[in-house]
Protein backbone atom coordinates (compact mmCIF):
# COMPACT_ATOMS: atom_id res chain seq x y z
CA UNK A 1 0.00 0.00 0.00
CA UNK A 2 1.45 3.34 -1.04
CA UNK A 3 1.83 6.06 1.58
CA UNK A 4 3.87 9.14 2.45
CA UNK A 5 5.33 10.87 5.47
CA UNK A 6 4.16 14.24 4.09
CA UNK A 7 0.39 14.88 4.26
CA UNK A 8 0.83 18.23 2.49
CA UNK A 9 1.84 16.76 -0.87
CA UNK A 10 -0.38 18.51 -3.42
CA UNK A 11 -3.10 16.47 -5.06
CA UNK A 12 -3.54 16.53 -8.80
CA UNK A 13 -6.66 18.29 -10.06
CA UNK A 14 -9.59 15.89 -9.82
CA UNK A 15 -7.99 13.74 -7.11
CA UNK A 16 -10.59 13.34 -4.40
CA UNK A 17 -9.66 10.93 -1.64
CA UNK A 18 -9.43 10.73 2.11
CA UNK A 19 -6.07 10.98 3.81
CA UNK A 20 -5.40 8.70 6.77
CA UNK A 21 -2.52 8.27 9.20
CA UNK A 22 -1.25 5.46 11.40
CA UNK A 23 1.71 5.13 13.73
CA UNK A 24 4.20 2.70 12.23
CA UNK A 25 4.34 0.95 15.61
CA UNK A 26 0.66 0.02 15.05
CA UNK A 27 1.33 -2.03 11.92
CA UNK A 28 1.53 -5.26 13.88
CA UNK A 29 3.77 -8.25 13.35
CA UNK A 30 2.84 -8.97 9.72
CA UNK A 31 3.44 -5.55 8.11
CA UNK A 32 6.47 -3.33 7.63
CA UNK A 33 6.99 0.27 6.49
CA UNK A 34 9.56 0.58 3.71
CA UNK A 35 10.82 3.87 2.27
CA UNK A 36 10.39 4.08 -1.51
CA UNK A 37 11.15 7.67 -2.57
CA UNK A 38 10.22 8.87 -6.04
CA UNK A 39 11.25 11.96 -8.01
CA UNK A 40 7.87 13.59 -7.32
CA UNK A 41 7.56 12.37 -3.73
CA UNK A 42 10.79 11.98 -1.74
CA UNK A 43 8.73 11.00 1.34
CA UNK A 44 6.96 8.10 -0.42
CA UNK A 45 6.93 4.72 1.29
CA UNK A 46 5.09 1.42 1.16
CA UNK A 47 3.32 -0.69 3.76
CA UNK A 48 4.27 -4.22 2.78
CA UNK A 49 3.99 -7.71 4.23
CA UNK A 50 7.05 -8.69 6.30
CA UNK A 51 7.31 -12.00 4.46
CA UNK A 52 5.97 -13.57 1.27
CA UNK A 53 2.25 -14.07 1.68
CA UNK A 54 -0.99 -14.40 -0.25
CA UNK A 55 -3.00 -11.36 -1.25
CA UNK A 56 -5.77 -12.58 1.06
CA UNK A 57 -3.43 -12.69 4.08
CA UNK A 58 -1.91 -9.28 3.19
CA UNK A 59 -5.39 -7.74 2.96
CA UNK A 60 -6.30 -9.30 6.31
CA UNK A 61 -3.12 -7.91 7.90
CA UNK A 62 -4.02 -4.43 6.62
CA UNK A 63 -7.63 -4.84 7.78
CA UNK A 64 -6.45 -5.82 11.27
CA UNK A 65 -4.99 -2.29 11.62
CA UNK A 66 -8.29 -0.60 10.77
CA UNK A 67 -8.98 0.72 14.29
CA UNK A 68 -5.54 2.39 14.40
CA UNK A 69 -6.06 4.65 11.34
CA UNK A 70 -7.02 8.30 11.92
CA UNK A 71 -8.59 10.58 9.31
CA UNK A 72 -6.56 13.71 8.52
CA UNK A 73 -8.40 16.88 7.56
CA UNK A 74 -6.47 18.51 4.70
CA UNK A 75 -7.37 21.89 3.29
CA UNK A 76 -7.25 21.93 -0.50
CA UNK A 77 -6.10 25.22 -2.02
PDB file of N, CA and C in Angstrom:
ATOM      1  N   UNK A   1       0.855  -1.153   0.000  1.00  0.00           N
ATOM      2  CA  UNK A   1       0.000   0.000   0.000  1.00  0.00           C
ATOM      3  C   UNK A   1       0.908   1.224   0.000  1.00  0.00           C
ATOM      4  N   UNK A   2       0.656   2.131  -0.904  1.00  0.00           N
ATOM      5  CA  UNK A   2       1.445   3.338  -1.042  1.00  0.00           C
ATOM      6  C   UNK A   2       1.071   4.345   0.038  1.00  0.00           C
ATOM      7  N   UNK A   3       2.087   5.029   0.576  1.00  0.00           N
ATOM      8  CA  UNK A   3       1.833   6.056   1.581  1.00  0.00           C
ATOM      9  C   UNK A   3       2.969   7.077   1.556  1.00  0.00           C
ATOM     10  N   UNK A   4       2.877   8.086   2.409  1.00  0.00           N
ATOM     11  CA  UNK A   4       3.873   9.143   2.450  1.00  0.00           C
ATOM     12  C   UNK A   4       3.977   9.681   3.866  1.00  0.00           C
ATOM     13  N   UNK A   5       5.149  10.203   4.186  1.00  0.00           N
ATOM     14  CA  UNK A   5       5.332  10.868   5.471  1.00  0.00           C
ATOM     15  C   UNK A   5       4.846  12.311   5.426  1.00  0.00           C
ATOM     16  N   UNK A   6       4.528  12.833   4.253  1.00  0.00           N
ATOM     17  CA  UNK A   6       4.159  14.241   4.091  1.00  0.00           C
ATOM     18  C   UNK A   6       2.700  14.380   3.669  1.00  0.00           C
ATOM     19  N   UNK A   7       1.811  14.741   4.612  1.00  0.00           N
ATOM     20  CA  UNK A   7       0.389  14.881   4.263  1.00  0.00           C
ATOM     21  C   UNK A   7       0.082  16.138   3.462  1.00  0.00           C
ATOM     22  N   UNK A   8       1.077  16.989   3.226  1.00  0.00           N
ATOM     23  CA  UNK A   8       0.829  18.230   2.486  1.00  0.00           C
ATOM     24  C   UNK A   8       1.170  18.115   1.011  1.00  0.00           C
ATOM     25  N   UNK A   9       1.533  16.930   0.550  1.00  0.00           N
ATOM     26  CA  UNK A   9       1.844  16.761  -0.871  1.00  0.00           C
ATOM     27  C   UNK A   9       0.619  17.150  -1.681  1.00  0.00           C
ATOM     28  N   UNK A  10       0.788  18.055  -2.659  1.00  0.00           N
ATOM     29  CA  UNK A  10      -0.382  18.509  -3.424  1.00  0.00           C
ATOM     30  C   UNK A  10      -1.036  17.382  -4.210  1.00  0.00           C
ATOM     31  N   UNK A  11      -2.348  17.425  -4.251  1.00  0.00           N
ATOM     32  CA  UNK A  11      -3.097  16.473  -5.064  1.00  0.00           C
ATOM     33  C   UNK A  11      -3.192  17.023  -6.484  1.00  0.00           C
ATOM     34  N   UNK A  12      -3.299  16.109  -7.424  1.00  0.00           N
ATOM     35  CA  UNK A  12      -3.537  16.531  -8.801  1.00  0.00           C
ATOM     36  C   UNK A  12      -4.982  16.971  -8.936  1.00  0.00           C
ATOM     37  N   UNK A  13      -5.263  17.884  -9.849  1.00  0.00           N
ATOM     38  CA  UNK A  13      -6.658  18.288 -10.056  1.00  0.00           C
ATOM     39  C   UNK A  13      -7.541  17.072 -10.327  1.00  0.00           C
ATOM     40  N   UNK A  14      -8.664  16.996  -9.643  1.00  0.00           N
ATOM     41  CA  UNK A  14      -9.593  15.890  -9.815  1.00  0.00           C
ATOM     42  C   UNK A  14      -9.366  14.758  -8.835  1.00  0.00           C
ATOM     43  N   UNK A  15      -8.234  14.773  -8.113  1.00  0.00           N
ATOM     44  CA  UNK A  15      -7.985  13.739  -7.109  1.00  0.00           C
ATOM     45  C   UNK A  15      -8.815  14.033  -5.869  1.00  0.00           C
ATOM     46  N   UNK A  16      -9.772  13.202  -5.597  1.00  0.00           N
ATOM     47  CA  UNK A  16     -10.593  13.340  -4.400  1.00  0.00           C
ATOM     48  C   UNK A  16     -10.480  12.048  -3.606  1.00  0.00           C
ATOM     49  N   UNK A  17      -9.787  12.104  -2.484  1.00  0.00           N
ATOM     50  CA  UNK A  17      -9.660  10.929  -1.643  1.00  0.00           C
ATOM     51  C   UNK A  17      -9.438  11.375  -0.207  1.00  0.00           C
ATOM     52  N   UNK A  18      -9.668  10.457   0.705  1.00  0.00           N
ATOM     53  CA  UNK A  18      -9.431  10.729   2.113  1.00  0.00           C
ATOM     54  C   UNK A  18      -7.978  10.433   2.437  1.00  0.00           C
ATOM     55  N   UNK A  19      -7.436  11.177   3.371  1.00  0.00           N
ATOM     56  CA  UNK A  19      -6.066  10.976   3.812  1.00  0.00           C
ATOM     57  C   UNK A  19      -6.096  10.463   5.246  1.00  0.00           C
ATOM     58  N   UNK A  20      -5.403   9.359   5.472  1.00  0.00           N
ATOM     59  CA  UNK A  20      -5.398   8.702   6.769  1.00  0.00           C
ATOM     60  C   UNK A  20      -3.973   8.628   7.292  1.00  0.00           C
ATOM     61  N   UNK A  21      -3.833   8.464   8.610  1.00  0.00           N
ATOM     62  CA  UNK A  21      -2.516   8.267   9.201  1.00  0.00           C
ATOM     63  C   UNK A  21      -2.571   7.135  10.216  1.00  0.00           C
ATOM     64  N   UNK A  22      -1.411   6.526  10.423  1.00  0.00           N
ATOM     65  CA  UNK A  22      -1.254   5.458  11.405  1.00  0.00           C
ATOM     66  C   UNK A  22       0.176   5.528  11.920  1.00  0.00           C
ATOM     67  N   UNK A  23       0.363   5.233  13.186  1.00  0.00           N
ATOM     68  CA  UNK A  23       1.714   5.129  13.732  1.00  0.00           C
ATOM     69  C   UNK A  23       2.331   3.837  13.213  1.00  0.00           C
ATOM     70  N   UNK A  24       3.567   3.905  12.773  1.00  0.00           N
ATOM     71  CA  UNK A  24       4.196   2.697  12.227  1.00  0.00           C
ATOM     72  C   UNK A  24       4.301   1.593  13.280  1.00  0.00           C
ATOM     73  N   UNK A  25       4.319   1.961  14.551  1.00  0.00           N
ATOM     74  CA  UNK A  25       4.336   0.953  15.613  1.00  0.00           C
ATOM     75  C   UNK A  25       3.028   0.163  15.673  1.00  0.00           C
ATOM     76  N   UNK A  26       1.984   0.680  15.026  1.00  0.00           N
ATOM     77  CA  UNK A  26       0.665   0.024  15.053  1.00  0.00           C
ATOM     78  C   UNK A  26       0.445  -0.930  13.888  1.00  0.00           C
ATOM     79  N   UNK A  27       1.484  -1.173  13.090  1.00  0.00           N
ATOM     80  CA  UNK A  27       1.329  -2.035  11.915  1.00  0.00           C
ATOM     81  C   UNK A  27       1.276  -3.519  12.258  1.00  0.00           C
ATOM     82  N   UNK A  28       1.620  -3.859  13.472  1.00  0.00           N
ATOM     83  CA  UNK A  28       1.533  -5.257  13.875  1.00  0.00           C
ATOM     84  C   UNK A  28       2.738  -6.069  13.438  1.00  0.00           C
ATOM     85  N   UNK A  29       2.637  -7.363  13.608  1.00  0.00           N
ATOM     86  CA  UNK A  29       3.775  -8.246  13.352  1.00  0.00           C
ATOM     87  C   UNK A  29       3.871  -8.722  11.902  1.00  0.00           C
ATOM     88  N   UNK A  30       2.842  -8.458  11.098  1.00  0.00           N
ATOM     89  CA  UNK A  30       2.840  -8.969   9.723  1.00  0.00           C
ATOM     90  C   UNK A  30       3.151  -7.916   8.662  1.00  0.00           C
ATOM     91  N   UNK A  31       3.233  -6.640   9.074  1.00  0.00           N
ATOM     92  CA  UNK A  31       3.440  -5.552   8.114  1.00  0.00           C
ATOM     93  C   UNK A  31       4.696  -4.765   8.462  1.00  0.00           C
ATOM     94  N   UNK A  32       5.276  -4.137   7.434  1.00  0.00           N
ATOM     95  CA  UNK A  32       6.475  -3.332   7.630  1.00  0.00           C
ATOM     96  C   UNK A  32       6.376  -2.084   6.757  1.00  0.00           C
ATOM     97  N   UNK A  33       6.921  -0.979   7.250  1.00  0.00           N
ATOM     98  CA  UNK A  33       6.988   0.273   6.494  1.00  0.00           C
ATOM     99  C   UNK A  33       8.343   0.329   5.801  1.00  0.00           C
ATOM    100  N   UNK A  34       8.322   0.533   4.485  1.00  0.00           N
ATOM    101  CA  UNK A  34       9.563   0.575   3.705  1.00  0.00           C
ATOM    102  C   UNK A  34       9.604   1.869   2.908  1.00  0.00           C
ATOM    103  N   UNK A  35      10.671   2.633   3.054  1.00  0.00           N
ATOM    104  CA  UNK A  35      10.816   3.869   2.271  1.00  0.00           C
ATOM    105  C   UNK A  35      11.005   3.517   0.799  1.00  0.00           C
ATOM    106  N   UNK A  36      10.315   4.294  -0.065  1.00  0.00           N
ATOM    107  CA  UNK A  36      10.391   4.081  -1.510  1.00  0.00           C
ATOM    108  C   UNK A  36      10.264   5.433  -2.209  1.00  0.00           C
ATOM    109  N   UNK A  37      11.256   6.329  -2.008  1.00  0.00           N
ATOM    110  CA  UNK A  37      11.149   7.674  -2.568  1.00  0.00           C
ATOM    111  C   UNK A  37      11.062   7.679  -4.090  1.00  0.00           C
ATOM    112  N   UNK A  38      10.323   8.656  -4.599  1.00  0.00           N
ATOM    113  CA  UNK A  38      10.221   8.866  -6.042  1.00  0.00           C
ATOM    114  C   UNK A  38      10.662  10.298  -6.346  1.00  0.00           C
ATOM    115  N   UNK A  39      10.838  10.613  -7.619  1.00  0.00           N
ATOM    116  CA  UNK A  39      11.250  11.958  -8.009  1.00  0.00           C
ATOM    117  C   UNK A  39      10.212  12.992  -7.571  1.00  0.00           C
ATOM    118  N   UNK A  40       8.933  12.662  -7.676  1.00  0.00           N
ATOM    119  CA  UNK A  40       7.868  13.594  -7.315  1.00  0.00           C
ATOM    120  C   UNK A  40       7.506  13.554  -5.836  1.00  0.00           C
ATOM    121  N   UNK A  41       7.928  12.520  -5.127  1.00  0.00           N
ATOM    122  CA  UNK A  41       7.560  12.370  -3.730  1.00  0.00           C
ATOM    123  C   UNK A  41       8.712  11.714  -2.951  1.00  0.00           C
ATOM    124  N   UNK A  42       9.650  12.544  -2.465  1.00  0.00           N
ATOM    125  CA  UNK A  42      10.788  11.978  -1.736  1.00  0.00           C
ATOM    126  C   UNK A  42      10.402  11.346  -0.397  1.00  0.00           C
ATOM    127  N   UNK A  43       9.172  11.580   0.071  1.00  0.00           N
ATOM    128  CA  UNK A  43       8.727  10.997   1.342  1.00  0.00           C
ATOM    129  C   UNK A  43       7.849   9.763   1.135  1.00  0.00           C
ATOM    130  N   UNK A  44       7.785   9.266  -0.097  1.00  0.00           N
ATOM    131  CA  UNK A  44       6.958   8.102  -0.424  1.00  0.00           C
ATOM    132  C   UNK A  44       7.492   6.850   0.262  1.00  0.00           C
ATOM    133  N   UNK A  45       6.572   6.007   0.703  1.00  0.00           N
ATOM    134  CA  UNK A  45       6.927   4.722   1.293  1.00  0.00           C
ATOM    135  C   UNK A  45       5.817   3.720   0.999  1.00  0.00           C
ATOM    136  N   UNK A  46       6.053   2.493   1.390  1.00  0.00           N
ATOM    137  CA  UNK A  46       5.091   1.416   1.160  1.00  0.00           C
ATOM    138  C   UNK A  46       4.865   0.668   2.467  1.00  0.00           C
ATOM    139  N   UNK A  47       3.615   0.243   2.693  1.00  0.00           N
ATOM    140  CA  UNK A  47       3.318  -0.690   3.763  1.00  0.00           C
ATOM    141  C   UNK A  47       3.211  -2.054   3.096  1.00  0.00           C
ATOM    142  N   UNK A  48       4.141  -2.931   3.458  1.00  0.00           N
ATOM    143  CA  UNK A  48       4.270  -4.220   2.783  1.00  0.00           C
ATOM    144  C   UNK A  48       4.184  -5.356   3.799  1.00  0.00           C
ATOM    145  N   UNK A  49       3.927  -6.561   3.320  1.00  0.00           N
ATOM    146  CA  UNK A  49       3.994  -7.711   4.229  1.00  0.00           C
ATOM    147  C   UNK A  49       5.459  -7.954   4.623  1.00  0.00           C
ATOM    148  N   UNK A  50       5.681  -8.413   5.842  1.00  0.00           N
ATOM    149  CA  UNK A  50       7.046  -8.691   6.305  1.00  0.00           C
ATOM    150  C   UNK A  50       7.654  -9.890   5.613  1.00  0.00           C
ATOM    151  N   UNK A  51       6.824 -10.783   5.118  1.00  0.00           N
ATOM    152  CA  UNK A  51       7.307 -11.999   4.458  1.00  0.00           C
ATOM    153  C   UNK A  51       6.393 -12.315   3.269  1.00  0.00           C
ATOM    154  N   UNK A  52       6.819 -13.161   2.390  1.00  0.00           N
ATOM    155  CA  UNK A  52       5.967 -13.574   1.274  1.00  0.00           C
ATOM    156  C   UNK A  52       4.650 -14.106   1.825  1.00  0.00           C
ATOM    157  N   UNK A  53       3.569 -13.691   1.202  1.00  0.00           N
ATOM    158  CA  UNK A  53       2.252 -14.074   1.676  1.00  0.00           C
ATOM    159  C   UNK A  53       1.260 -14.023   0.522  1.00  0.00           C
ATOM    160  N   UNK A  54       0.065 -14.504   0.763  1.00  0.00           N
ATOM    161  CA  UNK A  54      -0.985 -14.404  -0.251  1.00  0.00           C
ATOM    162  C   UNK A  54      -1.619 -13.018  -0.181  1.00  0.00           C
ATOM    163  N   UNK A  55      -2.279 -12.625  -1.247  1.00  0.00           N
ATOM    164  CA  UNK A  55      -3.001 -11.358  -1.255  1.00  0.00           C
ATOM    165  C   UNK A  55      -4.052 -11.354  -0.149  1.00  0.00           C
ATOM    166  N   UNK A  56      -4.735 -12.463   0.028  1.00  0.00           N
ATOM    167  CA  UNK A  56      -5.766 -12.580   1.061  1.00  0.00           C
ATOM    168  C   UNK A  56      -5.181 -12.292   2.450  1.00  0.00           C
ATOM    169  N   UNK A  57      -4.041 -12.901   2.768  1.00  0.00           N
ATOM    170  CA  UNK A  57      -3.426 -12.691   4.079  1.00  0.00           C
ATOM    171  C   UNK A  57      -2.911 -11.263   4.235  1.00  0.00           C
ATOM    172  N   UNK A  58      -2.369 -10.674   3.158  1.00  0.00           N
ATOM    173  CA  UNK A  58      -1.910  -9.280   3.190  1.00  0.00           C
ATOM    174  C   UNK A  58      -3.091  -8.343   3.455  1.00  0.00           C
ATOM    175  N   UNK A  59      -4.192  -8.555   2.745  1.00  0.00           N
ATOM    176  CA  UNK A  59      -5.387  -7.739   2.964  1.00  0.00           C
ATOM    177  C   UNK A  59      -5.907  -7.890   4.387  1.00  0.00           C
ATOM    178  N   UNK A  60      -5.872  -9.090   4.928  1.00  0.00           N
ATOM    179  CA  UNK A  60      -6.301  -9.305   6.314  1.00  0.00           C
ATOM    180  C   UNK A  60      -5.373  -8.597   7.301  1.00  0.00           C
ATOM    181  N   UNK A  61      -4.069  -8.606   7.027  1.00  0.00           N
ATOM    182  CA  UNK A  61      -3.117  -7.912   7.898  1.00  0.00           C
ATOM    183  C   UNK A  61      -3.397  -6.412   7.889  1.00  0.00           C
ATOM    184  N   UNK A  62      -3.655  -5.848   6.700  1.00  0.00           N
ATOM    185  CA  UNK A  62      -4.021  -4.425   6.619  1.00  0.00           C
ATOM    186  C   UNK A  62      -5.333  -4.166   7.352  1.00  0.00           C
ATOM    187  N   UNK A  63      -6.314  -5.025   7.139  1.00  0.00           N
ATOM    188  CA  UNK A  63      -7.626  -4.843   7.776  1.00  0.00           C
ATOM    189  C   UNK A  63      -7.516  -4.911   9.297  1.00  0.00           C
ATOM    190  N   UNK A  64      -6.584  -5.691   9.809  1.00  0.00           N
ATOM    191  CA  UNK A  64      -6.448  -5.817  11.267  1.00  0.00           C
ATOM    192  C   UNK A  64      -5.954  -4.519  11.906  1.00  0.00           C
ATOM    193  N   UNK A  65      -5.447  -3.582  11.096  1.00  0.00           N
ATOM    194  CA  UNK A  65      -4.987  -2.291  11.623  1.00  0.00           C
ATOM    195  C   UNK A  65      -6.068  -1.217  11.536  1.00  0.00           C
ATOM    196  N   UNK A  66      -7.229  -1.567  11.066  1.00  0.00           N
ATOM    197  CA  UNK A  66      -8.292  -0.597  10.767  1.00  0.00           C
ATOM    198  C   UNK A  66      -8.584   0.363  11.918  1.00  0.00           C
ATOM    199  N   UNK A  67      -8.640  -0.130  13.145  1.00  0.00           N
ATOM    200  CA  UNK A  67      -8.979   0.722  14.287  1.00  0.00           C
ATOM    201  C   UNK A  67      -7.865   1.695  14.665  1.00  0.00           C
ATOM    202  N   UNK A  68      -6.680   1.520  14.083  1.00  0.00           N
ATOM    203  CA  UNK A  68      -5.540   2.391  14.395  1.00  0.00           C
ATOM    204  C   UNK A  68      -5.428   3.593  13.453  1.00  0.00           C
ATOM    205  N   UNK A  69      -6.142   3.561  12.325  1.00  0.00           N
ATOM    206  CA  UNK A  69      -6.062   4.646  11.343  1.00  0.00           C
ATOM    207  C   UNK A  69      -6.885   5.842  11.801  1.00  0.00           C
ATOM    208  N   UNK A  70      -6.337   7.047  11.585  1.00  0.00           N
ATOM    209  CA  UNK A  70      -7.023   8.303  11.921  1.00  0.00           C
ATOM    210  C   UNK A  70      -7.167   9.153  10.664  1.00  0.00           C
ATOM    211  N   UNK A  71      -8.332   9.714  10.469  1.00  0.00           N
ATOM    212  CA  UNK A  71      -8.592  10.580   9.309  1.00  0.00           C
ATOM    213  C   UNK A  71      -7.920  11.930   9.526  1.00  0.00           C
ATOM    214  N   UNK A  72      -7.220  12.410   8.493  1.00  0.00           N
ATOM    215  CA  UNK A  72      -6.563  13.714   8.519  1.00  0.00           C
ATOM    216  C   UNK A  72      -7.412  14.682   7.711  1.00  0.00           C
ATOM    217  N   UNK A  73      -7.676  15.830   8.267  1.00  0.00           N
ATOM    218  CA  UNK A  73      -8.401  16.878   7.558  1.00  0.00           C
ATOM    219  C   UNK A  73      -7.378  17.754   6.839  1.00  0.00           C
ATOM    220  N   UNK A  74      -7.406  17.735   5.506  1.00  0.00           N
ATOM    221  CA  UNK A  74      -6.467  18.510   4.700  1.00  0.00           C
ATOM    222  C   UNK A  74      -7.243  19.580   3.962  1.00  0.00           C
ATOM    223  N   UNK A  75      -6.742  20.806   4.034  1.00  0.00           N
ATOM    224  CA  UNK A  75      -7.373  21.885   3.294  1.00  0.00           C
ATOM    225  C   UNK A  75      -6.794  21.916   1.895  1.00  0.00           C
ATOM    226  N   UNK A  76      -7.680  21.884   0.901  1.00  0.00           N
ATOM    227  CA  UNK A  76      -7.253  21.934  -0.500  1.00  0.00           C
ATOM    228  C   UNK A  76      -7.292  23.375  -0.959  1.00  0.00           C
ATOM    229  N   UNK A  77      -6.188  23.819  -1.550  1.00  0.00           N
ATOM    230  CA  UNK A  77      -6.101  25.215  -2.015  1.00  0.00           C
ATOM    231  C   UNK A  77      -6.926  25.451  -3.243  1.00  0.00           C
TER     232      UNK A  77
END
